[in-house]
Amino acid sequence: MKRKIRLRHRLQYWFDNLMTGGIIPIIVILLILAGMLTLFITFVLLIAHIHLQGEIEETPSEVFWQTFMHLIDQGTITGDEGVSWLFRFLMLVPTAVGILLVATWWV
C-alpha cells in the first residue's frame, strides 16, 4: 500500500534540510523575512496615512527607508518625537525584529 506524502511532510523535510545547511541559509531566510516585514510595515504606513516626522516628504521610498532604519538601527526609535503612538507602535515591530536579527547573526 502506497503512503500519501502530504504537503506538511514536504515542508518539514525542506525545513530540516535547510537547518542542516549551516548558518548561511538560516541568515538568508532571516534577511528575506526581515525584508518582507519591512515591506509590510511600509505598506501599512502608506495605506493608513500614518505620518513620519514633520517636514520629511512621504514618498514610498522614504517610508521604506525609515522602516528599514528602525530594523537595522535600534537607536532610531528614540528619535521618533512628535509622531503618533500608532506610528511608534508600528516601528516597535521592526525594531524588535532587528534586535532578534542581530542577536541571531552573532550566535
N, C-alpha and C. Protein backbone atom coordinates (compact mmCIF):
# COMPACT_ATOMS: atom_id res chain seq x y z
N MET A 1 0.85 -1.17 0.00
CA MET A 1 0.00 0.00 0.00
C MET A 1 0.90 1.24 0.00
N LYS A 2 0.58 2.17 -0.86
CA LYS A 2 1.38 3.37 -1.01
C LYS A 2 0.91 4.45 -0.04
N ARG A 3 1.88 5.07 0.66
CA ARG A 3 1.56 6.16 1.58
C ARG A 3 1.52 7.47 0.83
N LYS A 4 0.55 8.27 1.14
CA LYS A 4 0.45 9.58 0.51
C LYS A 4 1.34 10.57 1.26
N ILE A 5 2.18 11.27 0.51
CA ILE A 5 3.06 12.27 1.11
C ILE A 5 2.32 13.60 1.11
N ARG A 6 2.12 14.14 2.27
CA ARG A 6 1.37 15.38 2.41
C ARG A 6 2.28 16.59 2.32
N LEU A 7 1.66 17.73 2.07
CA LEU A 7 2.40 18.98 1.96
C LEU A 7 3.14 19.28 3.26
N ARG A 8 2.51 18.97 4.37
CA ARG A 8 3.14 19.20 5.67
C ARG A 8 4.47 18.45 5.78
N HIS A 9 4.49 17.22 5.32
CA HIS A 9 5.71 16.42 5.37
C HIS A 9 6.77 16.97 4.43
N ARG A 10 6.36 17.43 3.25
CA ARG A 10 7.31 18.02 2.31
C ARG A 10 7.94 19.29 2.90
N LEU A 11 7.11 20.13 3.53
CA LEU A 11 7.62 21.36 4.14
C LEU A 11 8.54 21.04 5.31
N GLN A 12 8.18 20.04 6.08
CA GLN A 12 9.01 19.63 7.20
C GLN A 12 10.37 19.11 6.71
N TYR A 13 10.37 18.34 5.64
CA TYR A 13 11.61 17.83 5.06
C TYR A 13 12.46 18.97 4.52
N TRP A 14 11.82 19.93 3.82
CA TRP A 14 12.54 21.09 3.30
C TRP A 14 13.17 21.90 4.43
N PHE A 15 12.41 22.13 5.51
CA PHE A 15 12.91 22.90 6.64
C PHE A 15 14.07 22.17 7.33
N ASP A 16 13.95 20.87 7.50
CA ASP A 16 15.04 20.10 8.11
C ASP A 16 16.31 20.17 7.27
N ASN A 17 16.18 20.07 5.96
CA ASN A 17 17.34 20.19 5.09
C ASN A 17 17.94 21.59 5.15
N LEU A 18 17.09 22.59 5.27
CA LEU A 18 17.57 23.97 5.38
C LEU A 18 18.38 24.16 6.66
N MET A 19 17.89 23.62 7.75
CA MET A 19 18.58 23.77 9.03
C MET A 19 19.92 23.03 9.06
N THR A 20 20.05 21.96 8.31
CA THR A 20 21.31 21.22 8.28
C THR A 20 22.32 21.85 7.33
N GLY A 21 21.92 22.87 6.59
CA GLY A 21 22.81 23.52 5.62
C GLY A 21 23.80 24.48 6.23
N GLY A 22 23.74 24.71 7.51
CA GLY A 22 24.67 25.63 8.15
C GLY A 22 24.05 26.99 8.40
N ILE A 23 24.90 27.96 8.72
CA ILE A 23 24.43 29.28 9.13
C ILE A 23 24.01 30.15 7.95
N ILE A 24 24.63 29.97 6.79
CA ILE A 24 24.34 30.84 5.64
C ILE A 24 22.87 30.75 5.20
N PRO A 25 22.29 29.56 4.99
CA PRO A 25 20.88 29.51 4.62
C PRO A 25 19.95 30.11 5.69
N ILE A 26 20.32 29.94 6.94
CA ILE A 26 19.50 30.50 8.02
C ILE A 26 19.53 32.02 7.97
N ILE A 27 20.70 32.59 7.74
CA ILE A 27 20.82 34.05 7.65
C ILE A 27 20.05 34.58 6.44
N VAL A 28 20.13 33.85 5.32
CA VAL A 28 19.39 34.27 4.12
C VAL A 28 17.89 34.28 4.40
N ILE A 29 17.39 33.25 5.05
CA ILE A 29 15.96 33.20 5.39
C ILE A 29 15.59 34.35 6.33
N LEU A 30 16.43 34.63 7.31
CA LEU A 30 16.17 35.75 8.23
C LEU A 30 16.15 37.08 7.49
N LEU A 31 17.06 37.27 6.54
CA LEU A 31 17.09 38.51 5.77
C LEU A 31 15.86 38.64 4.88
N ILE A 32 15.42 37.54 4.29
CA ILE A 32 14.20 37.57 3.47
C ILE A 32 13.00 37.93 4.33
N LEU A 33 12.89 37.32 5.52
CA LEU A 33 11.78 37.63 6.41
C LEU A 33 11.83 39.08 6.88
N ALA A 34 13.03 39.60 7.15
CA ALA A 34 13.17 40.99 7.56
C ALA A 34 12.76 41.93 6.43
N GLY A 35 13.12 41.59 5.21
CA GLY A 35 12.71 42.40 4.06
C GLY A 35 11.21 42.38 3.86
N MET A 36 10.60 41.21 4.03
CA MET A 36 9.15 41.11 3.90
C MET A 36 8.45 41.92 4.99
N LEU A 37 8.98 41.88 6.21
CA LEU A 37 8.41 42.67 7.30
C LEU A 37 8.53 44.16 7.01
N THR A 38 9.68 44.58 6.49
CA THR A 38 9.88 45.99 6.16
C THR A 38 8.88 46.44 5.10
N LEU A 39 8.68 45.63 4.08
CA LEU A 39 7.71 45.97 3.04
C LEU A 39 6.29 46.01 3.60
N PHE A 40 5.96 45.07 4.49
CA PHE A 40 4.61 45.04 5.07
C PHE A 40 4.35 46.28 5.93
N ILE A 41 5.29 46.63 6.80
CA ILE A 41 5.11 47.81 7.66
C ILE A 41 5.03 49.07 6.80
N THR A 42 5.85 49.15 5.75
CA THR A 42 5.79 50.29 4.83
C THR A 42 4.42 50.38 4.19
N PHE A 43 3.90 49.26 3.74
CA PHE A 43 2.57 49.22 3.13
C PHE A 43 1.50 49.69 4.11
N VAL A 44 1.56 49.22 5.34
CA VAL A 44 0.57 49.62 6.36
C VAL A 44 0.65 51.12 6.62
N LEU A 45 1.86 51.66 6.75
CA LEU A 45 2.02 53.09 7.00
C LEU A 45 1.48 53.92 5.85
N LEU A 46 1.71 53.49 4.62
CA LEU A 46 1.24 54.24 3.46
C LEU A 46 -0.28 54.16 3.31
N ILE A 47 -0.84 52.99 3.50
CA ILE A 47 -2.28 52.81 3.35
C ILE A 47 -3.04 53.55 4.45
N ALA A 48 -2.55 53.48 5.68
CA ALA A 48 -3.23 54.11 6.81
C ALA A 48 -2.91 55.60 6.95
N HIS A 49 -2.03 56.12 6.10
CA HIS A 49 -1.61 57.53 6.15
C HIS A 49 -1.09 57.92 7.53
N ILE A 50 -0.28 57.04 8.10
CA ILE A 50 0.36 57.34 9.37
C ILE A 50 1.64 58.09 9.04
N HIS A 51 1.78 59.29 9.58
CA HIS A 51 2.82 60.21 9.13
C HIS A 51 4.13 60.03 9.87
N LEU A 52 5.20 60.33 9.13
CA LEU A 52 6.54 60.37 9.69
C LEU A 52 6.75 61.71 10.37
N GLN A 53 8.00 61.98 10.74
CA GLN A 53 8.32 63.24 11.39
C GLN A 53 8.09 64.41 10.44
N GLY A 54 7.57 65.49 10.98
CA GLY A 54 7.29 66.77 10.38
C GLY A 54 7.53 67.00 8.91
N GLU A 55 8.72 67.55 8.57
CA GLU A 55 8.93 68.06 7.23
C GLU A 55 9.44 67.02 6.24
N ILE A 56 9.55 65.76 6.61
CA ILE A 56 10.02 64.73 5.70
C ILE A 56 8.93 64.44 4.67
N GLU A 57 9.33 64.43 3.40
CA GLU A 57 8.39 64.11 2.34
C GLU A 57 8.04 62.62 2.41
N GLU A 58 6.76 62.31 2.32
CA GLU A 58 6.31 60.93 2.50
C GLU A 58 6.20 60.19 1.18
N THR A 59 7.29 59.93 0.54
CA THR A 59 7.29 59.07 -0.64
C THR A 59 7.40 57.63 -0.17
N PRO A 60 6.96 56.68 -0.97
CA PRO A 60 7.09 55.28 -0.56
C PRO A 60 8.54 54.89 -0.26
N SER A 61 9.48 55.43 -1.02
CA SER A 61 10.88 55.09 -0.76
C SER A 61 11.35 55.65 0.58
N GLU A 62 10.87 56.85 0.96
CA GLU A 62 11.26 57.44 2.25
C GLU A 62 10.65 56.65 3.41
N VAL A 63 9.40 56.23 3.27
CA VAL A 63 8.76 55.43 4.32
C VAL A 63 9.48 54.08 4.45
N PHE A 64 9.84 53.47 3.32
CA PHE A 64 10.59 52.21 3.35
C PHE A 64 11.93 52.41 4.04
N TRP A 65 12.61 53.51 3.70
CA TRP A 65 13.93 53.78 4.29
C TRP A 65 13.82 53.96 5.81
N GLN A 66 12.83 54.72 6.26
CA GLN A 66 12.66 54.91 7.70
C GLN A 66 12.37 53.59 8.41
N THR A 67 11.53 52.76 7.79
CA THR A 67 11.23 51.45 8.38
C THR A 67 12.47 50.57 8.42
N PHE A 68 13.24 50.60 7.34
CA PHE A 68 14.49 49.83 7.28
C PHE A 68 15.48 50.31 8.33
N MET A 69 15.55 51.62 8.55
CA MET A 69 16.46 52.16 9.57
C MET A 69 16.05 51.69 10.96
N HIS A 70 14.75 51.60 11.22
CA HIS A 70 14.30 51.07 12.51
C HIS A 70 14.69 49.61 12.66
N LEU A 71 14.73 48.89 11.55
CA LEU A 71 15.09 47.48 11.59
C LEU A 71 16.57 47.28 11.90
N ILE A 72 17.45 48.06 11.26
CA ILE A 72 18.89 47.80 11.42
C ILE A 72 19.54 48.66 12.50
N ASP A 73 18.90 49.75 12.91
CA ASP A 73 19.48 50.62 13.94
C ASP A 73 18.44 50.84 15.03
N GLN A 74 18.59 50.14 16.13
CA GLN A 74 17.58 50.20 17.18
C GLN A 74 17.53 51.54 17.89
N GLY A 75 18.55 52.36 17.75
CA GLY A 75 18.53 53.69 18.35
C GLY A 75 17.65 54.67 17.61
N THR A 76 17.21 54.31 16.42
CA THR A 76 16.36 55.20 15.62
C THR A 76 15.03 55.46 16.30
N ILE A 77 14.56 54.51 17.08
CA ILE A 77 13.25 54.66 17.70
C ILE A 77 13.25 55.78 18.74
N THR A 78 14.41 56.11 19.29
CA THR A 78 14.46 57.20 20.27
C THR A 78 14.29 58.57 19.61
N GLY A 79 14.50 58.65 18.32
CA GLY A 79 14.32 59.91 17.61
C GLY A 79 12.91 60.15 17.11
N ASP A 80 11.99 59.25 17.42
CA ASP A 80 10.61 59.39 16.97
C ASP A 80 9.83 60.31 17.90
N GLU A 81 10.12 61.59 17.82
CA GLU A 81 9.41 62.56 18.65
C GLU A 81 8.42 63.32 17.77
N GLY A 82 7.28 63.62 18.33
CA GLY A 82 6.27 64.37 17.60
C GLY A 82 5.49 63.53 16.61
N VAL A 83 5.49 62.22 16.78
CA VAL A 83 4.72 61.34 15.91
C VAL A 83 3.66 60.63 16.75
N SER A 84 2.70 60.02 16.08
CA SER A 84 1.60 59.38 16.80
C SER A 84 2.08 58.11 17.50
N TRP A 85 1.30 57.70 18.49
CA TRP A 85 1.63 56.48 19.22
C TRP A 85 1.46 55.26 18.33
N LEU A 86 0.55 55.32 17.37
CA LEU A 86 0.38 54.21 16.44
C LEU A 86 1.64 54.04 15.59
N PHE A 87 2.22 55.16 15.16
CA PHE A 87 3.48 55.10 14.40
C PHE A 87 4.58 54.49 15.26
N ARG A 88 4.67 54.91 16.51
CA ARG A 88 5.69 54.36 17.41
C ARG A 88 5.50 52.87 17.62
N PHE A 89 4.24 52.46 17.80
CA PHE A 89 3.97 51.04 17.99
C PHE A 89 4.34 50.24 16.75
N LEU A 90 3.97 50.74 15.57
CA LEU A 90 4.32 50.03 14.34
C LEU A 90 5.83 49.96 14.14
N MET A 91 6.54 51.00 14.53
CA MET A 91 8.00 50.99 14.38
C MET A 91 8.68 50.13 15.44
N LEU A 92 7.95 49.82 16.51
CA LEU A 92 8.50 48.92 17.53
C LEU A 92 8.66 47.51 16.98
N VAL A 93 7.79 47.13 16.05
CA VAL A 93 7.86 45.78 15.46
C VAL A 93 9.17 45.57 14.70
N PRO A 94 9.52 46.43 13.71
CA PRO A 94 10.81 46.21 13.05
C PRO A 94 12.01 46.40 13.97
N THR A 95 11.88 47.25 14.98
CA THR A 95 12.98 47.42 15.93
C THR A 95 13.22 46.13 16.71
N ALA A 96 12.15 45.50 17.19
CA ALA A 96 12.29 44.24 17.92
C ALA A 96 12.82 43.13 17.01
N VAL A 97 12.34 43.08 15.78
CA VAL A 97 12.84 42.08 14.84
C VAL A 97 14.31 42.33 14.53
N GLY A 98 14.70 43.60 14.44
CA GLY A 98 16.10 43.93 14.22
C GLY A 98 16.99 43.46 15.35
N ILE A 99 16.51 43.60 16.58
CA ILE A 99 17.27 43.12 17.73
C ILE A 99 17.45 41.60 17.64
N LEU A 100 16.38 40.89 17.32
CA LEU A 100 16.48 39.43 17.18
C LEU A 100 17.37 39.04 16.01
N LEU A 101 17.30 39.79 14.93
CA LEU A 101 18.13 39.50 13.76
C LEU A 101 19.60 39.66 14.08
N VAL A 102 19.95 40.74 14.76
CA VAL A 102 21.35 40.96 15.14
C VAL A 102 21.80 39.91 16.15
N ALA A 103 20.94 39.56 17.09
CA ALA A 103 21.30 38.55 18.08
C ALA A 103 21.52 37.19 17.43
N THR A 104 20.73 36.86 16.42
CA THR A 104 20.88 35.59 15.72
C THR A 104 22.12 35.60 14.85
N TRP A 105 22.41 36.75 14.25
CA TRP A 105 23.54 36.88 13.34
C TRP A 105 24.86 36.57 14.05
N TRP A 106 24.99 37.02 15.30
CA TRP A 106 26.27 36.90 16.01
C TRP A 106 26.40 35.61 16.80
N VAL A 107 25.41 34.75 16.78
CA VAL A 107 25.48 33.50 17.54
C VAL A 107 26.43 32.53 16.90
